[in-house]
Amino acid sequence: MKFKTTLTTIACAVLACTAFSSTANAAKIGVSMPTQSLQRWNQDGHNLKEQLEASGHEVELLYAGDNDIPTQLNQIENMIAGDCDVLVIAPIDGGSLTAVLKGAKDKKIPVVSYDRLIMNSNAISYYATFDNYKVGQIQGNYIVDALKLNDDATPAKNIELFTGSIDDNNVNFFFGGAIDVLQPYLDSGKLVCKSGQTKKEQVATLNWSTEEAQKRMENLISSNGYGPDGTKLDVVLSSNDSVANGITNALVNAGYDASNFPVLTGQDCDKPSVTNMKRGLQTMSVFKDTRDLAKQVVVMVNAIVDGKEVPVNDTTTYNNGTGVIPSYLCSPIVVTKDNLKEVLFDSGYYKESEIK
């Protein structure tokens, strides 16, 4: 059976995050995740499946190999053919699903774009994510504060910049939010990028790959003479943890340790990065509690299934090329070695024994 969706703008949605959402109707929900090779997507898929099933739904959860676009296209096509009632999709490439989602549109299957916005498709009903522009702003402001860039007595600081995969629409918000904060300091000379690589296309990392980030950082170290006994590198902006891990590997191989490590940002609080924060080899990570995102998606799916108002809190920001997609944005927070126990362990997100 199919359900009528209600596109309702709610200025500020109230979400009960302390319990699983309930629904009056059970439905078949297709969930498509991009990869199992990154920790966060395993967690997202698990959280969604668990919470959707707790609401009484039948769930088909599929991972598209290791970010394999043809696999994801085939899986989504099969979900549509299998008459899923709602699709929840985290795309590998936000622009690759236009053709396959015509089938969902034809069958009136509502589609919730999960964390990454699906572009150039009028089949998208809703978007659920974190405030990704704010993620970048948090990273940029952390750098400003950590380096005391607003203090007139602070000398110029050397920075290098990294972001993620250019085909991920979120990069526009992560990197955009950070560079909007940092650009005035680059313009004034308070921050100096010796490589001259400051444009999004120059600092992108294919597939958010740890290995690709490590290679590029190694090249930057070699070409600019960075090192504990060479040119001082004060800070590296990294949009997420998988990229930050590659940067860390390169810096450690170049002789950096906790006593002289540059300020290094990240996002997702992946286990290796939490370990590195404890060791002093990464400075911060922006935590996006995917349990909360999964809870919000369950609330949205249940509202769709029951024909009720679907909670959103942003109806202006996210245009996928066919129009603005009603969105719900969850809030990210800063994690450092000083508060990681409280935020990650005491909350039950990780067991302390899981982190070396």
Protein backbone atom coordinates (compact mmCIF):
# COMPACT_ATOMS: atom_id res chain seq x y z
CA MET A 1 0.00 0.00 0.00
CA LYS A 2 1.00 3.62 -0.52
CA PHE A 3 0.71 6.55 1.84
CA LYS A 4 -0.07 10.19 1.19
CA THR A 5 2.70 12.54 2.34
CA THR A 6 2.02 15.93 3.85
CA LEU A 7 4.61 18.63 3.13
CA THR A 8 4.17 20.75 6.22
CA THR A 9 6.46 23.53 7.36
CA ILE A 10 7.02 23.53 11.08
CA ALA A 11 9.18 26.34 12.35
CA CYS A 12 10.45 24.40 15.32
CA ALA A 13 9.62 20.72 15.63
CA VAL A 14 9.38 19.05 19.01
CA LEU A 15 11.03 15.66 18.97
CA ALA A 16 10.83 13.09 21.75
CA CYS A 17 14.32 11.54 21.71
CA THR A 18 14.00 9.45 24.85
CA ALA A 19 12.02 6.59 23.33
CA PHE A 20 11.35 4.90 20.03
CA SER A 21 8.71 6.62 17.94
CA SER A 22 5.50 4.70 17.42
CA THR A 23 3.26 4.37 14.38
CA ALA A 24 -0.30 3.31 13.78
CA ASN A 25 0.68 1.51 10.57
CA ALA A 26 3.43 -0.94 9.76
CA ALA A 27 5.19 -0.52 6.44
CA LYS A 28 8.04 -1.85 4.34
CA ILE A 29 11.02 0.52 4.55
CA GLY A 30 14.01 0.33 2.23
CA VAL A 31 17.26 1.70 3.66
CA SER A 32 20.25 2.26 1.36
CA MET A 33 23.64 3.06 2.90
CA PRO A 34 26.78 3.89 0.88
CA THR A 35 29.44 1.65 2.41
CA GLN A 36 30.38 -0.63 5.26
CA SER A 37 34.04 0.37 5.12
CA LEU A 38 33.48 3.46 7.30
CA GLN A 39 32.45 3.03 10.91
CA ARG A 40 29.82 5.75 10.89
CA TRP A 41 27.75 4.20 8.08
CA ASN A 42 27.69 0.85 9.86
CA GLN A 43 26.36 2.63 12.93
CA ASP A 44 23.81 4.63 10.93
CA GLY A 45 22.46 1.54 9.23
CA HIS A 46 22.26 -0.41 12.49
CA ASN A 47 20.55 2.44 14.33
CA LEU A 48 17.98 2.96 11.59
CA LYS A 49 17.14 -0.71 11.24
CA GLU A 50 16.83 -1.24 14.97
CA GLN A 51 14.62 1.79 15.55
CA LEU A 52 12.43 1.28 12.48
CA GLU A 53 11.84 -2.36 13.46
CA ALA A 54 11.03 -1.25 17.01
CA SER A 55 8.29 0.88 15.46
CA GLY A 56 6.84 -2.21 13.81
CA HIS A 57 8.18 -1.81 10.29
CA GLU A 58 9.73 -4.39 8.00
CA VAL A 59 13.19 -3.11 7.05
CA GLU A 60 15.41 -3.96 4.10
CA LEU A 61 18.89 -2.56 4.85
CA LEU A 62 21.47 -2.73 2.08
CA TYR A 63 25.03 -1.41 1.79
CA ALA A 64 26.43 -0.53 -1.63
CA GLY A 65 29.69 -2.44 -1.33
CA ASP A 66 32.55 -0.02 -0.83
CA ASN A 67 30.96 3.14 -2.23
CA ASP A 68 30.03 1.39 -5.47
CA ILE A 69 27.54 3.56 -7.36
CA PRO A 70 26.26 0.86 -9.77
CA THR A 71 25.58 -1.39 -6.77
CA GLN A 72 23.58 1.31 -5.03
CA LEU A 73 21.60 2.06 -8.18
CA ASN A 74 20.75 -1.63 -8.61
CA GLN A 75 19.77 -2.02 -4.96
CA ILE A 76 17.48 1.01 -5.03
CA GLU A 77 15.90 -0.16 -8.30
CA ASN A 78 15.15 -3.52 -6.64
CA MET A 79 13.68 -1.82 -3.57
CA ILE A 80 11.36 0.19 -5.81
CA ALA A 81 10.39 -2.95 -7.76
CA GLY A 82 9.79 -4.70 -4.42
CA ASP A 83 7.20 -2.08 -3.50
CA CYS A 84 8.84 -0.55 -0.48
CA ASP A 85 6.49 1.99 1.07
CA VAL A 86 9.23 4.50 2.00
CA LEU A 87 12.88 4.77 0.94
CA VAL A 88 15.63 6.17 3.17
CA ILE A 89 18.76 6.77 1.12
CA ALA A 90 22.26 7.99 1.98
CA PRO A 91 23.71 8.47 -1.51
CA ILE A 92 27.29 7.77 -2.54
CA ASP A 93 27.07 10.43 -5.23
CA GLY A 94 24.22 12.85 -4.68
CA GLY A 95 23.82 13.43 -8.40
CA SER A 96 23.77 9.80 -9.57
CA LEU A 97 20.24 8.78 -8.57
CA THR A 98 18.09 11.00 -10.80
CA ALA A 99 17.13 8.29 -13.28
CA VAL A 100 16.53 5.44 -10.84
CA LEU A 101 14.37 7.59 -8.55
CA LYS A 102 11.96 8.34 -11.39
CA GLY A 103 10.61 4.89 -10.58
CA ALA A 104 9.95 5.93 -6.98
CA LYS A 105 8.21 9.08 -8.19
CA ASP A 106 6.05 7.08 -10.59
CA LYS A 107 5.03 4.70 -7.82
CA LYS A 108 4.49 7.57 -5.36
CA ILE A 109 7.07 6.13 -2.95
CA PRO A 110 8.25 8.89 -0.58
CA VAL A 111 12.02 9.28 -0.37
CA VAL A 112 13.91 10.60 2.66
CA SER A 113 17.43 11.73 1.79
CA TYR A 114 19.64 10.72 4.70
CA ASP A 115 22.55 12.95 5.80
CA ARG A 116 23.71 13.56 2.19
CA LEU A 117 21.31 15.44 -0.05
CA ILE A 118 20.20 13.67 -3.22
CA MET A 119 20.53 16.18 -6.04
CA ASN A 120 18.54 16.85 -9.23
CA SER A 121 15.60 14.60 -8.37
CA ASN A 122 12.01 15.71 -7.76
CA ALA A 123 11.36 12.38 -6.03
CA ILE A 124 12.82 13.62 -2.74
CA SER A 125 10.18 14.29 -0.09
CA TYR A 126 12.37 15.18 2.89
CA TYR A 127 15.96 15.58 3.99
CA ALA A 128 17.31 14.64 7.44
CA THR A 129 20.81 15.64 8.43
CA PHE A 130 22.86 17.66 10.85
CA ASP A 131 23.42 21.39 10.52
CA ASN A 132 26.40 20.87 8.25
CA TYR A 133 27.19 24.53 7.71
CA LYS A 134 27.37 24.80 11.49
CA VAL A 135 29.80 21.86 11.53
CA GLY A 136 32.19 23.88 9.38
CA GLN A 137 31.66 27.00 11.46
CA ILE A 138 32.44 25.03 14.64
CA GLN A 139 35.71 23.81 13.14
CA GLY A 140 36.66 27.27 11.91
CA ASN A 141 35.84 28.97 15.19
CA TYR A 142 37.73 26.29 17.11
CA ILE A 143 40.84 27.09 15.05
CA VAL A 144 40.40 30.83 15.65
CA ASP A 145 40.15 30.31 19.40
CA ALA A 146 42.88 27.66 19.67
CA LEU A 147 45.40 29.82 17.81
CA LYS A 148 44.25 33.08 19.46
CA LEU A 149 43.93 34.66 16.02
CA ASN A 150 42.02 37.63 17.40
CA ASP A 151 44.93 38.56 19.66
CA ASP A 152 47.00 41.31 18.01
CA ALA A 153 50.14 39.85 19.58
CA THR A 154 49.66 36.45 17.89
CA PRO A 155 52.09 35.99 14.97
CA ALA A 156 51.01 34.57 11.61
CA LYS A 157 50.16 30.87 11.68
CA ASN A 158 50.65 28.27 8.94
CA ILE A 159 47.59 26.28 7.88
CA GLU A 160 46.73 23.58 5.35
CA LEU A 161 43.19 22.69 4.35
CA PHE A 162 41.44 19.37 3.65
CA THR A 163 37.84 18.54 2.90
CA GLY A 164 35.99 15.51 1.59
CA SER A 165 34.73 14.10 -1.67
CA ILE A 166 33.66 16.71 -4.19
CA ASP A 167 30.61 14.63 -5.20
CA ASP A 168 29.24 14.82 -1.65
CA ASN A 169 26.98 17.87 -1.44
CA ASN A 170 27.74 18.16 2.29
CA VAL A 171 31.26 19.31 1.41
CA ASN A 172 29.76 22.59 0.24
CA PHE A 173 28.48 23.16 3.78
CA PHE A 174 31.36 21.66 5.78
CA PHE A 175 34.07 23.48 3.87
CA GLY A 176 31.91 26.51 3.20
CA GLY A 177 31.13 27.02 6.88
CA ALA A 178 34.79 26.67 7.87
CA ILE A 179 36.21 28.87 5.13
CA ASP A 180 33.64 31.59 5.81
CA VAL A 181 35.12 31.80 9.31
CA LEU A 182 38.76 31.47 8.25
CA GLN A 183 38.84 33.54 5.05
CA PRO A 184 39.25 36.93 6.80
CA TYR A 185 42.35 35.59 8.57
CA LEU A 186 43.73 34.23 5.28
CA ASP A 187 43.06 37.59 3.63
CA SER A 188 44.78 39.51 6.42
CA GLY A 189 47.83 37.23 6.53
CA LYS A 190 47.08 36.04 10.05
CA LEU A 191 46.75 32.58 8.52
CA VAL A 192 49.20 31.55 5.82
CA CYS A 193 48.62 28.57 3.51
CA LYS A 194 52.10 27.92 2.15
CA SER A 195 50.87 25.46 -0.48
CA GLY A 196 48.47 28.05 -1.84
CA GLN A 197 45.78 25.35 -1.97
CA THR A 198 42.70 27.00 -0.52
CA LYS A 199 39.94 26.25 -3.04
CA LYS A 200 37.45 23.46 -2.43
CA GLU A 201 38.49 21.62 -5.59
CA GLN A 202 42.17 21.82 -4.59
CA VAL A 203 41.67 20.41 -1.10
CA ALA A 204 39.03 17.74 -1.82
CA THR A 205 39.68 14.11 -0.85
CA LEU A 206 38.20 11.43 -3.11
CA ASN A 207 35.71 9.23 -1.24
CA TRP A 208 36.85 10.80 2.05
CA SER A 209 39.73 8.32 1.80
CA THR A 210 42.22 8.03 4.66
CA GLU A 211 44.84 6.81 2.19
CA GLU A 212 44.31 9.70 -0.23
CA ALA A 213 44.48 12.22 2.61
CA GLN A 214 47.72 10.66 3.84
CA LYS A 215 49.27 10.87 0.35
CA ARG A 216 48.35 14.52 -0.02
CA MET A 217 49.61 15.41 3.46
CA GLU A 218 52.88 13.63 2.73
CA ASN A 219 53.22 15.70 -0.46
CA LEU A 220 52.50 18.90 1.45
CA ILE A 221 55.10 18.03 4.08
CA SER A 222 57.70 17.32 1.40
CA SER A 223 56.99 20.31 -0.85
CA ASN A 224 56.69 22.88 1.95
CA GLY A 225 59.35 21.59 4.34
CA TYR A 226 56.95 21.02 7.23
CA GLY A 227 58.35 19.13 10.19
CA PRO A 228 59.23 19.35 13.88
CA ASP A 229 62.65 20.69 12.86
CA GLY A 230 61.50 22.42 9.69
CA THR A 231 58.76 24.86 8.75
CA LYS A 232 56.24 25.08 11.55
CA LEU A 233 52.77 23.77 10.68
CA ASP A 234 50.34 25.23 13.20
CA VAL A 235 46.99 23.86 12.09
CA VAL A 236 45.29 21.55 9.60
CA LEU A 237 41.60 21.92 8.86
CA SER A 238 40.08 18.51 8.17
CA SER A 239 36.36 18.21 7.47
CA ASN A 240 36.06 14.72 8.97
CA ASP A 241 37.84 11.98 10.90
CA SER A 242 38.64 9.55 8.08
CA VAL A 243 40.55 12.37 6.37
CA ALA A 244 42.08 13.47 9.70
CA ASN A 245 43.36 9.93 10.28
CA GLY A 246 45.34 10.06 7.04
CA ILE A 247 46.73 13.47 8.00
CA THR A 248 47.72 12.11 11.40
CA ASN A 249 49.50 9.13 9.84
CA ALA A 250 51.54 11.43 7.60
CA LEU A 251 52.42 13.81 10.43
CA VAL A 252 53.47 11.01 12.79
CA ASN A 253 55.63 9.51 10.03
CA ALA A 254 57.25 12.93 9.64
CA GLY A 255 58.25 12.95 13.31
CA TYR A 256 55.39 14.82 14.96
CA ASP A 257 54.15 13.66 18.35
CA ALA A 258 51.82 14.91 21.08
CA SER A 259 54.35 17.52 22.18
CA ASN A 260 54.38 19.39 18.86
CA PHE A 261 51.31 18.21 16.97
CA PRO A 262 49.45 20.84 14.93
CA VAL A 263 45.86 21.71 15.79
CA LEU A 264 43.83 19.20 13.79
CA THR A 265 40.05 19.21 13.36
CA GLY A 266 37.72 16.35 12.50
CA GLN A 267 34.13 15.17 12.49
CA ASP A 268 32.19 12.02 13.48
CA CYS A 269 34.19 10.91 16.55
CA ASP A 270 35.27 7.70 14.84
CA LYS A 271 37.07 5.32 17.17
CA PRO A 272 40.59 5.87 15.72
CA SER A 273 40.14 9.62 16.10
CA VAL A 274 38.89 9.27 19.67
CA THR A 275 42.04 7.27 20.37
CA ASN A 276 44.13 9.95 18.69
CA MET A 277 42.46 12.68 20.75
CA LYS A 278 43.31 10.77 23.92
CA ARG A 279 46.91 10.49 22.68
CA GLY A 280 47.16 14.17 21.72
CA LEU A 281 47.33 13.40 17.98
CA GLN A 282 44.03 15.05 17.02
CA THR A 283 42.69 18.14 18.70
CA MET A 284 38.94 17.95 18.26
CA SER A 285 36.11 16.26 16.42
CA VAL A 286 32.58 17.45 15.77
CA PHE A 287 30.20 14.87 17.22
CA LYS A 288 27.00 14.12 15.36
CA ASP A 289 25.07 11.59 17.41
CA THR A 290 23.69 9.33 14.71
CA ARG A 291 21.31 7.81 17.26
CA ASP A 292 19.49 11.13 17.33
CA LEU A 293 19.48 11.37 13.54
CA ALA A 294 18.05 7.85 13.30
CA LYS A 295 15.37 8.74 15.86
CA GLN A 296 14.41 11.78 13.83
CA VAL A 297 14.19 9.77 10.61
CA VAL A 298 11.96 7.21 12.35
CA VAL A 299 9.67 10.05 13.48
CA MET A 300 9.55 11.34 9.90
CA VAL A 301 8.92 7.89 8.41
CA ASN A 302 6.15 7.19 10.90
CA ALA A 303 4.49 10.51 10.11
CA ILE A 304 4.66 9.70 6.39
CA VAL A 305 3.19 6.24 6.93
CA ASP A 306 0.40 7.57 9.15
CA GLY A 307 -0.39 10.50 6.86
CA LYS A 308 0.49 13.02 9.55
CA GLU A 309 2.47 16.25 9.50
CA VAL A 310 6.15 15.50 8.98
CA PRO A 311 8.38 17.52 11.34
CA VAL A 312 10.95 19.77 9.70
CA ASN A 313 12.85 22.80 10.98
CA ASP A 314 14.42 24.18 7.78
CA THR A 315 12.59 25.05 4.57
CA THR A 316 15.04 27.51 3.00
CA THR A 317 18.58 26.07 2.95
CA TYR A 318 18.72 22.85 0.97
CA ASN A 319 17.88 23.18 -2.73
CA ASN A 320 18.64 19.99 -4.64
CA GLY A 321 18.27 21.55 -8.08
CA THR A 322 14.55 20.86 -8.34
CA GLY A 323 13.52 23.03 -5.41
CA VAL A 324 14.03 23.41 -1.68
CA ILE A 325 13.67 20.13 0.21
CA PRO A 326 11.92 20.33 3.61
CA SER A 327 14.62 19.35 6.10
CA TYR A 328 15.26 18.51 9.71
CA LEU A 329 18.67 19.56 11.04
CA CYS A 330 20.07 17.99 14.21
CA SER A 331 22.70 19.86 16.24
CA PRO A 332 26.41 18.89 16.35
CA ILE A 333 28.74 19.52 19.30
CA VAL A 334 32.50 19.82 19.89
CA VAL A 335 34.38 16.91 21.45
CA THR A 336 37.94 17.15 22.76
CA LYS A 337 39.97 14.98 25.11
CA ASP A 338 38.54 17.05 27.97
CA ASN A 339 34.89 16.09 27.44
CA LEU A 340 34.99 12.88 25.40
CA LYS A 341 34.31 10.70 28.44
CA GLU A 342 31.13 12.60 29.25
CA VAL A 343 29.87 12.87 25.67
CA LEU A 344 30.89 9.51 24.24
CA PHE A 345 31.28 7.05 27.12
CA ASP A 346 28.84 8.24 29.77
CA SER A 347 26.12 8.60 27.11
CA GLY A 348 26.61 4.99 26.03
CA TYR A 349 27.68 5.87 22.50
CA TYR A 350 30.88 3.88 23.06
CA LYS A 351 32.09 1.62 25.80
CA GLU A 352 35.32 2.97 27.22
CA SER A 353 36.87 -0.46 26.69
CA GLU A 354 36.34 -0.05 22.92
CA ILE A 355 38.81 2.82 22.77
CA LYS A 356 42.48 1.93 23.08
